[in-house]
C-alpha atoms as a PDB file:
ATOM      1  CA  UNK A   1      -0.089   0.001  -0.191  1.00  0.00           C
ATOM      2  CA  UNK A   2       1.303   3.524  -0.754  1.00  0.00           C
ATOM      3  CA  UNK A   3      -0.557   6.194   1.256  1.00  0.00           C
ATOM      4  CA  UNK A   4      -0.494   9.821   0.235  1.00  0.00           C
ATOM      5  CA  UNK A   5      -1.222  12.315   2.586  1.00  0.00           C
ATOM      6  CA  UNK A   6      -2.024  15.449   1.260  1.00  0.00           C
ATOM      7  CA  UNK A   7      -2.431  18.872   3.707  1.00  0.00           C
ATOM      8  CA  UNK A   8      -1.196  22.280   3.994  1.00  0.00           C
ATOM      9  CA  UNK A   9       1.219  23.684   6.476  1.00  0.00           C
ATOM     10  CA  UNK A  10       0.924  23.486  10.198  1.00  0.00           C
ATOM     11  CA  UNK A  11      -1.745  20.852   9.980  1.00  0.00           C
ATOM     12  CA  UNK A  12      -0.416  18.051  12.334  1.00  0.00           C
ATOM     13  CA  UNK A  13       1.031  16.549   9.104  1.00  0.00           C
ATOM     14  CA  UNK A  14       4.543  15.854  10.571  1.00  0.00           C
ATOM     15  CA  UNK A  15       2.894  13.958  13.412  1.00  0.00           C
ATOM     16  CA  UNK A  16       1.118  11.820  11.006  1.00  0.00           C
ATOM     17  CA  UNK A  17       4.132  11.107   9.227  1.00  0.00           C
ATOM     18  CA  UNK A  18       5.997  10.133  12.651  1.00  0.00           C
ATOM     19  CA  UNK A  19       2.736   7.894  13.453  1.00  0.00           C
ATOM     20  CA  UNK A  20       2.869   6.173  10.331  1.00  0.00           C
ATOM     21  CA  UNK A  21       6.577   6.316  10.093  1.00  0.00           C
ATOM     22  CA  UNK A  22       6.773   4.399  13.532  1.00  0.00           C
ATOM     23  CA  UNK A  23       5.416   1.262  12.078  1.00  0.00           C
ATOM     24  CA  UNK A  24       7.676  -1.303  11.219  1.00  0.00           C
ATOM     25  CA  UNK A  25       5.910  -2.014   8.177  1.00  0.00           C
ATOM     26  CA  UNK A  26       5.918   1.349   6.775  1.00  0.00           C
ATOM     27  CA  UNK A  27       8.574   3.446   5.169  1.00  0.00           C
ATOM     28  CA  UNK A  28       8.155   7.298   4.739  1.00  0.00           C
ATOM     29  CA  UNK A  29       8.675  10.091   2.551  1.00  0.00           C
ATOM     30  CA  UNK A  30       8.529  13.791   3.787  1.00  0.00           C
ATOM     31  CA  UNK A  31       7.067  16.298   1.193  1.00  0.00           C
ATOM     32  CA  UNK A  32       9.266  14.892  -1.625  1.00  0.00           C
ATOM     33  CA  UNK A  33       7.934  17.804  -4.249  1.00  0.00           C
ATOM     34  CA  UNK A  34       9.061  20.307  -1.885  1.00  0.00           C
ATOM     35  CA  UNK A  35      12.666  20.838  -3.663  1.00  0.00           C
ATOM     36  CA  UNK A  36      11.094  20.751  -7.354  1.00  0.00           C
ATOM     37  CA  UNK A  37       8.606  23.367  -6.031  1.00  0.00           C
ATOM     38  CA  UNK A  38      11.209  25.801  -4.642  1.00  0.00           C
ATOM     39  CA  UNK A  39      13.802  25.378  -7.755  1.00  0.00           C
ATOM     40  CA  UNK A  40      10.666  25.923 -10.185  1.00  0.00           C
ATOM     41  CA  UNK A  41       9.288  29.160  -8.649  1.00  0.00           C
ATOM     42  CA  UNK A  42      12.418  30.490  -7.048  1.00  0.00           C
ATOM     43  CA  UNK A  43      10.287  31.517  -3.702  1.00  0.00           C
ATOM     44  CA  UNK A  44      12.191  32.547  -0.564  1.00  0.00           C
ATOM     45  CA  UNK A  45      11.311  30.046   2.156  1.00  0.00           C
ATOM     46  CA  UNK A  46      13.402  29.349   4.993  1.00  0.00           C
ATOM     47  CA  UNK A  47      16.382  27.228   4.231  1.00  0.00           C
ATOM     48  CA  UNK A  48      15.691  27.522   0.550  1.00  0.00           C
ATOM     49  CA  UNK A  49      19.065  27.087  -0.671  1.00  0.00           C
ATOM     50  CA  UNK A  50      19.832  24.199   1.459  1.00  0.00           C
ATOM     51  CA  UNK A  51      16.343  22.461   0.369  1.00  0.00           C
ATOM     52  CA  UNK A  52      17.419  22.845  -3.138  1.00  0.00           C
ATOM     53  CA  UNK A  53      20.851  21.645  -2.683  1.00  0.00           C
ATOM     54  CA  UNK A  54      20.121  18.831  -0.746  1.00  0.00           C
ATOM     55  CA  UNK A  55      17.022  17.164  -2.181  1.00  0.00           C
ATOM     56  CA  UNK A  56      15.851  15.949  -5.770  1.00  0.00           C
ATOM     57  CA  UNK A  57      14.668  18.940  -7.707  1.00  0.00           C
ATOM     58  CA  UNK A  58      13.483  17.063 -10.646  1.00  0.00           C
ATOM     59  CA  UNK A  59       9.676  16.269 -10.823  1.00  0.00           C
ATOM     60  CA  UNK A  60       9.914  13.482 -12.987  1.00  0.00           C
ATOM     61  CA  UNK A  61      12.728  11.676 -10.937  1.00  0.00           C
ATOM     62  CA  UNK A  62      10.489  12.527  -7.388  1.00  0.00           C
ATOM     63  CA  UNK A  63       7.280  11.117  -9.194  1.00  0.00           C
ATOM     64  CA  UNK A  64       9.544   7.528 -10.232  1.00  0.00           C
ATOM     65  CA  UNK A  65      10.472   7.752  -6.595  1.00  0.00           C
ATOM     66  CA  UNK A  66       7.075   8.101  -5.535  1.00  0.00           C
ATOM     67  CA  UNK A  67       6.223   5.140  -7.788  1.00  0.00           C
ATOM     68  CA  UNK A  68       8.354   2.733  -5.597  1.00  0.00           C
ATOM     69  CA  UNK A  69       6.898   0.877  -2.888  1.00  0.00           C
ATOM     70  CA  UNK A  70      10.281   0.731  -1.563  1.00  0.00           C
ATOM     71  CA  UNK A  71      11.790  -2.094   0.615  1.00  0.00           C
ATOM     72  CA  UNK A  72       8.748  -2.486   3.201  1.00  0.00           C
ATOM     73  CA  UNK A  73       5.529  -3.807   2.612  1.00  0.00           C
ATOM     74  CA  UNK A  74       3.952  -0.209   2.706  1.00  0.00           C
ATOM     75  CA  UNK A  75       4.951   3.545   1.901  1.00  0.00           C
ATOM     76  CA  UNK A  76       3.541   6.794   3.726  1.00  0.00           C
ATOM     77  CA  UNK A  77       4.145   9.940   1.965  1.00  0.00           C
ATOM     78  CA  UNK A  78       3.197  13.491   3.117  1.00  0.00           C
ATOM     79  CA  UNK A  79       2.625  15.886   0.486  1.00  0.00           C
ATOM     80  CA  UNK A  80       1.298  19.072   0.236  1.00  0.00           C
ATOM     81  CA  UNK A  81      -0.896  20.359  -2.497  1.00  0.00           C
ATOM     82  CA  UNK A  82       0.617  23.954  -3.248  1.00  0.00           C
ATOM     83  CA  UNK A  83       3.679  21.972  -4.242  1.00  0.00           C
ATOM     84  CA  UNK A  84       2.169  20.356  -7.171  1.00  0.00           C
ATOM     85  CA  UNK A  85       2.812  22.786  -9.834  1.00  0.00           C
ATOM     86  CA  UNK A  86       1.047  22.851 -13.281  1.00  0.00           C
ATOM     87  CA  UNK A  87       2.998  20.378 -15.251  1.00  0.00           C
ATOM     88  CA  UNK A  88       4.410  18.302 -12.334  1.00  0.00           C
ATOM     89  CA  UNK A  89       3.532  14.683 -12.908  1.00  0.00           C
ATOM     90  CA  UNK A  90       0.448  13.354 -10.669  1.00  0.00           C
ATOM     91  CA  UNK A  91      -0.123  10.049 -12.241  1.00  0.00           C
ATOM     92  CA  UNK A  92       1.721   7.850  -9.590  1.00  0.00           C
ATOM     93  CA  UNK A  93      -1.176   9.185  -7.231  1.00  0.00           C
ATOM     94  CA  UNK A  94      -3.671   6.804  -9.072  1.00  0.00           C
ATOM     95  CA  UNK A  95      -2.064   4.014  -7.617  1.00  0.00           C
ATOM     96  CA  UNK A  96      -2.212   5.543  -3.758  1.00  0.00           C
ATOM     97  CA  UNK A  97      -4.775   5.611  -1.122  1.00  0.00           C
ATOM     98  CA  UNK A  98      -5.173   9.484  -1.258  1.00  0.00           C
ATOM     99  CA  UNK A  99      -6.064  11.267   1.924  1.00  0.00           C
ATOM    100  CA  UNK A 100      -6.611  14.963   2.587  1.00  0.00           C
ATOM    101  CA  UNK A 101      -5.726  16.080   5.824  1.00  0.00           C
ATOM    102  CA  UNK A 102      -7.276  19.624   7.095  1.00  0.00           C
ATOM    103  CA  UNK A 103      -7.213  22.074   9.877  1.00  0.00           C
ATOM    104  CA  UNK A 104      -9.271  24.892  10.197  1.00  0.00           C
ATOM    105  CA  UNK A 105      -7.390  28.085   8.689  1.00  0.00           C
ATOM    106  CA  UNK A 106      -7.399  29.936  12.091  1.00  0.00           C
ATOM    107  CA  UNK A 107      -5.407  27.644  13.351  1.00  0.00           C
ATOM    108  CA  UNK A 108      -3.188  27.284  10.479  1.00  0.00           C
ATOM    109  CA  UNK A 109      -2.571  30.876   9.918  1.00  0.00           C
ATOM    110  CA  UNK A 110      -1.732  31.692  13.489  1.00  0.00           C
ATOM    111  CA  UNK A 111       0.989  28.825  13.594  1.00  0.00           C
ATOM    112  CA  UNK A 112       2.471  29.727  10.005  1.00  0.00           C
ATOM    113  CA  UNK A 113       2.628  33.343  11.048  1.00  0.00           C
ATOM    114  CA  UNK A 114       4.803  32.354  13.894  1.00  0.00           C
ATOM    115  CA  UNK A 115       7.823  30.343  11.684  1.00  0.00           C
ATOM    116  CA  UNK A 116       7.168  32.784   8.373  1.00  0.00           C
ATOM    117  CA  UNK A 117       6.133  36.780   8.260  1.00  0.00           C
ATOM    118  CA  UNK A 118       2.921  37.454   5.989  1.00  0.00           C
ATOM    119  CA  UNK A 119       1.521  34.224   4.564  1.00  0.00           C
ATOM    120  CA  UNK A 120      -0.451  34.126   1.380  1.00  0.00           C
ATOM    121  CA  UNK A 121      -3.312  32.041   0.328  1.00  0.00           C
ATOM    122  CA  UNK A 122      -1.303  30.230  -1.717  1.00  0.00           C
ATOM    123  CA  UNK A 123       1.317  29.499   0.980  1.00  0.00           C
ATOM    124  CA  UNK A 124      -1.213  27.843   3.240  1.00  0.00           C
ATOM    125  CA  UNK A 125      -2.472  25.932   0.209  1.00  0.00           C
ATOM    126  CA  UNK A 126      -6.166  25.593   0.359  1.00  0.00           C
ATOM    127  CA  UNK A 127      -7.317  26.127  -2.779  1.00  0.00           C
ATOM    128  CA  UNK A 128      -4.710  23.787  -4.167  1.00  0.00           C
ATOM    129  CA  UNK A 129      -6.123  21.180  -1.829  1.00  0.00           C
ATOM    130  CA  UNK A 130      -9.664  21.783  -2.829  1.00  0.00           C
ATOM    131  CA  UNK A 131      -8.805  21.526  -6.227  1.00  0.00           C
ATOM    132  CA  UNK A 132      -7.056  18.579  -5.724  1.00  0.00           C
ATOM    133  CA  UNK A 133      -9.542  16.734  -4.013  1.00  0.00           C
ATOM    134  CA  UNK A 134     -11.973  17.641  -6.938  1.00  0.00           C
ATOM    135  CA  UNK A 135      -9.381  15.968  -9.235  1.00  0.00           C
ATOM    136  CA  UNK A 136      -8.446  12.677  -7.513  1.00  0.00           C
ATOM    137  CA  UNK A 137     -10.994  12.537  -4.777  1.00  0.00           C
ATOM    138  CA  UNK A 138     -10.100  10.555  -1.573  1.00  0.00           C
ATOM    139  CA  UNK A 139     -10.187  10.256   2.082  1.00  0.00           C
ATOM    140  CA  UNK A 140     -10.752  13.310   3.851  1.00  0.00           C
ATOM    141  CA  UNK A 141     -10.118  13.773   7.814  1.00  0.00           C
ATOM    142  CA  UNK A 142      -9.717  16.888  10.083  1.00  0.00           C
ATOM    143  CA  UNK A 143      -6.683  17.063  12.315  1.00  0.00           C
ATOM    144  CA  UNK A 144      -9.019  18.287  14.787  1.00  0.00           C
ATOM    145  CA  UNK A 145     -10.637  15.011  15.246  1.00  0.00           C
ATOM    146  CA  UNK A 146      -7.462  13.440  15.476  1.00  0.00           C
ATOM    147  CA  UNK A 147      -6.404  15.700  18.409  1.00  0.00           C
ATOM    148  CA  UNK A 148      -9.443  15.141  20.145  1.00  0.00           C
ATOM    149  CA  UNK A 149      -9.377  11.284  20.347  1.00  0.00           C
ATOM    150  CA  UNK A 150      -6.199   9.978  18.662  1.00  0.00           C
ATOM    151  CA  UNK A 151      -6.489   6.158  19.172  1.00  0.00           C
ATOM    152  CA  UNK A 152     -10.240   5.961  17.728  1.00  0.00           C
ATOM    153  CA  UNK A 153      -9.265   8.389  15.088  1.00  0.00           C
ATOM    154  CA  UNK A 154      -6.424   6.304  13.747  1.00  0.00           C
ATOM    155  CA  UNK A 155      -8.276   3.001  14.414  1.00  0.00           C
ATOM    156  CA  UNK A 156     -11.148   4.591  12.273  1.00  0.00           C
ATOM    157  CA  UNK A 157      -8.614   5.655   9.465  1.00  0.00           C
ATOM    158  CA  UNK A 158      -7.144   2.171   9.450  1.00  0.00           C
ATOM    159  CA  UNK A 159     -10.572   0.600   9.035  1.00  0.00           C
ATOM    160  CA  UNK A 160     -11.674   2.939   6.156  1.00  0.00           C
ATOM    161  CA  UNK A 161      -8.092   2.078   4.280  1.00  0.00           C
ATOM    162  CA  UNK A 162      -8.067  -1.440   5.128  1.00  0.00           C
ATOM    163  CA  UNK A 163      -4.777  -1.362   6.795  1.00  0.00           C
ATOM    164  CA  UNK A 164      -4.493  -3.418  10.275  1.00  0.00           C
ATOM    165  CA  UNK A 165      -4.305  -0.951  13.234  1.00  0.00           C
ATOM    166  CA  UNK A 166      -0.917  -0.578  14.935  1.00  0.00           C
ATOM    167  CA  UNK A 167      -0.459   0.815  18.390  1.00  0.00           C
ATOM    168  CA  UNK A 168       3.017   2.003  17.782  1.00  0.00           C
ATOM    169  CA  UNK A 169       1.077   5.009  15.625  1.00  0.00           C
ATOM    170  CA  UNK A 170       0.452   6.172  19.063  1.00  0.00           C
ATOM    171  CA  UNK A 171       3.493   7.192  20.397  1.00  0.00           C
ATOM    172  CA  UNK A 172       7.350   7.395  19.068  1.00  0.00           C
ATOM    173  CA  UNK A 173      10.603   8.348  20.576  1.00  0.00           C
ATOM    174  CA  UNK A 174      11.436  11.939  20.692  1.00  0.00           C
ATOM    175  CA  UNK A 175      13.884  13.465  18.265  1.00  0.00           C
ATOM    176  CA  UNK A 176      14.177  13.885  14.495  1.00  0.00           C
ATOM    177  CA  UNK A 177      13.792  10.947  11.879  1.00  0.00           C
ATOM    178  CA  UNK A 178      15.891   9.603   9.140  1.00  0.00           C
ATOM    179  CA  UNK A 179      13.300  10.244   6.545  1.00  0.00           C
ATOM    180  CA  UNK A 180      12.815  14.137   7.762  1.00  0.00           C
ATOM    181  CA  UNK A 181      13.488  16.539   5.055  1.00  0.00           C
ATOM    182  CA  UNK A 182      16.047  19.063   5.824  1.00  0.00           C
ATOM    183  CA  UNK A 183      13.914  22.040   6.684  1.00  0.00           C
ATOM    184  CA  UNK A 184      12.985  20.060   9.847  1.00  0.00           C
ATOM    185  CA  UNK A 185      15.378  22.011  11.822  1.00  0.00           C
ATOM    186  CA  UNK A 186      13.547  24.922  11.123  1.00  0.00           C
ATOM    187  CA  UNK A 187       9.912  23.584  11.344  1.00  0.00           C
ATOM    188  CA  UNK A 188       9.609  20.599  13.131  1.00  0.00           C
ATOM    189  CA  UNK A 189      10.915  21.784  16.536  1.00  0.00           C
ATOM    190  CA  UNK A 190       7.793  21.120  18.798  1.00  0.00           C
ATOM    191  CA  UNK A 191       7.291  17.490  17.039  1.00  0.00           C
ATOM    192  CA  UNK A 192      10.875  16.561  18.023  1.00  0.00           C
ATOM    193  CA  UNK A 193       9.784  17.044  21.281  1.00  0.00           C
ATOM    194  CA  UNK A 194       6.994  15.031  21.167  1.00  0.00           C
ATOM    195  CA  UNK A 195       6.437  11.582  21.989  1.00  0.00           C
ATOM    196  CA  UNK A 196       2.953  11.241  20.651  1.00  0.00           C
ATOM    197  CA  UNK A 197      -0.331  13.572  19.189  1.00  0.00           C
ATOM    198  CA  UNK A 198      -0.888  16.802  21.346  1.00  0.00           C
ATOM    199  CA  UNK A 199      -4.104  16.972  23.394  1.00  0.00           C
ATOM    200  CA  UNK A 200      -7.422  18.203  22.082  1.00  0.00           C
ATOM    201  CA  UNK A 201      -7.071  21.871  20.829  1.00  0.00           C
ATOM    202  CA  UNK A 202      -8.698  24.897  22.884  1.00  0.00           C
ATOM    203  CA  UNK A 203     -10.455  27.767  21.191  1.00  0.00           C
ATOM    204  CA  UNK A 204      -9.832  29.179  17.849  1.00  0.00           C
ATOM    205  CA  UNK A 205      -7.273  31.776  17.615  1.00  0.00           C
ATOM    206  CA  UNK A 206      -8.473  35.334  17.120  1.00  0.00           C
ATOM    207  CA  UNK A 207      -6.941  37.107  14.141  1.00  0.00           C
ATOM    208  CA  UNK A 208      -6.945  40.752  13.286  1.00  0.00           C
ATOM    209  CA  UNK A 209      -5.762  42.468   9.956  1.00  0.00           C
ATOM    210  CA  UNK A 210      -4.093  40.951   7.441  1.00  0.00           C
ATOM    211  CA  UNK A 211      -4.171  37.462   8.933  1.00  0.00           C
ATOM    212  CA  UNK A 212      -8.053  37.750   9.543  1.00  0.00           C
ATOM    213  CA  UNK A 213      -8.749  38.679   6.066  1.00  0.00           C
ATOM    214  CA  UNK A 214      -6.824  35.684   4.896  1.00  0.00           C
ATOM    215  CA  UNK A 215      -8.788  33.604   6.871  1.00  0.00           C
ATOM    216  CA  UNK A 216     -12.023  34.896   5.192  1.00  0.00           C
ATOM    217  CA  UNK A 217     -10.378  33.896   2.022  1.00  0.00           C
ATOM    218  CA  UNK A 218      -9.575  30.514   3.240  1.00  0.00           C
ATOM    219  CA  UNK A 219     -12.607  29.775   5.124  1.00  0.00           C
ATOM    220  CA  UNK A 220     -14.980  28.905   1.946  1.00  0.00           C
ATOM    221  CA  UNK A 221     -12.072  26.103   0.837  1.00  0.00           C
ATOM    222  CA  UNK A 222     -11.921  24.522   4.180  1.00  0.00           C
ATOM    223  CA  UNK A 223     -15.449  24.180   4.790  1.00  0.00           C
ATOM    224  CA  UNK A 224     -16.115  22.457   1.380  1.00  0.00           C
ATOM    225  CA  UNK A 225     -13.360  20.021   2.286  1.00  0.00           C
ATOM    226  CA  UNK A 226     -14.912  19.403   5.854  1.00  0.00           C
ATOM    227  CA  UNK A 227     -17.983  18.647   4.317  1.00  0.00           C
ATOM    228  CA  UNK A 228     -16.813  15.156   3.053  1.00  0.00           C
ATOM    229  CA  UNK A 229     -14.681  14.545   6.324  1.00  0.00           C
END
């Protein structure tokens, strides 16, 4: 089985990668299209130069790697829809279980802005995720539900995709993983300190100014996806 987990940034996606990567029967890939995305767009992201130097930047070569199951029975791939630029191959996804992980944009915007100034709608990926869902379909899950009850949420997901549940998905050792992208040192600090899923989330953050305008723009896409969860 190959799982393509699609989500925007700051969306429990790294914790989900650690959960599946902690299973003995899974390998994991961390945002393999990130380097091609940066190399193609020339965008100035944290550690852009290091990412492009260290990781494969050819989208076709990355697609071939995504098509390969690997040395274990299953592969988990963490992907971001906004990395899939026009012309990047997507045919490999037809052989995957495609899962769309969503989170309320107020939480995403507040978390993202703490790591990178002035995020845009393109940066947080809601339009691209909605368009990708329209194109390839799949399963939609909300990170809020996972945080509320990790064990039952993970069990339900495993049942949905016909994968035996493994309790190793609920807890992992603190620290980085061999499959982390080089960007982990900037983005993954909280996850590296964790040993499992964080507890239930509190009230939605209150946003002002440009952040509130970004929330208004992102909310319709989230609500559309949420209706399928």
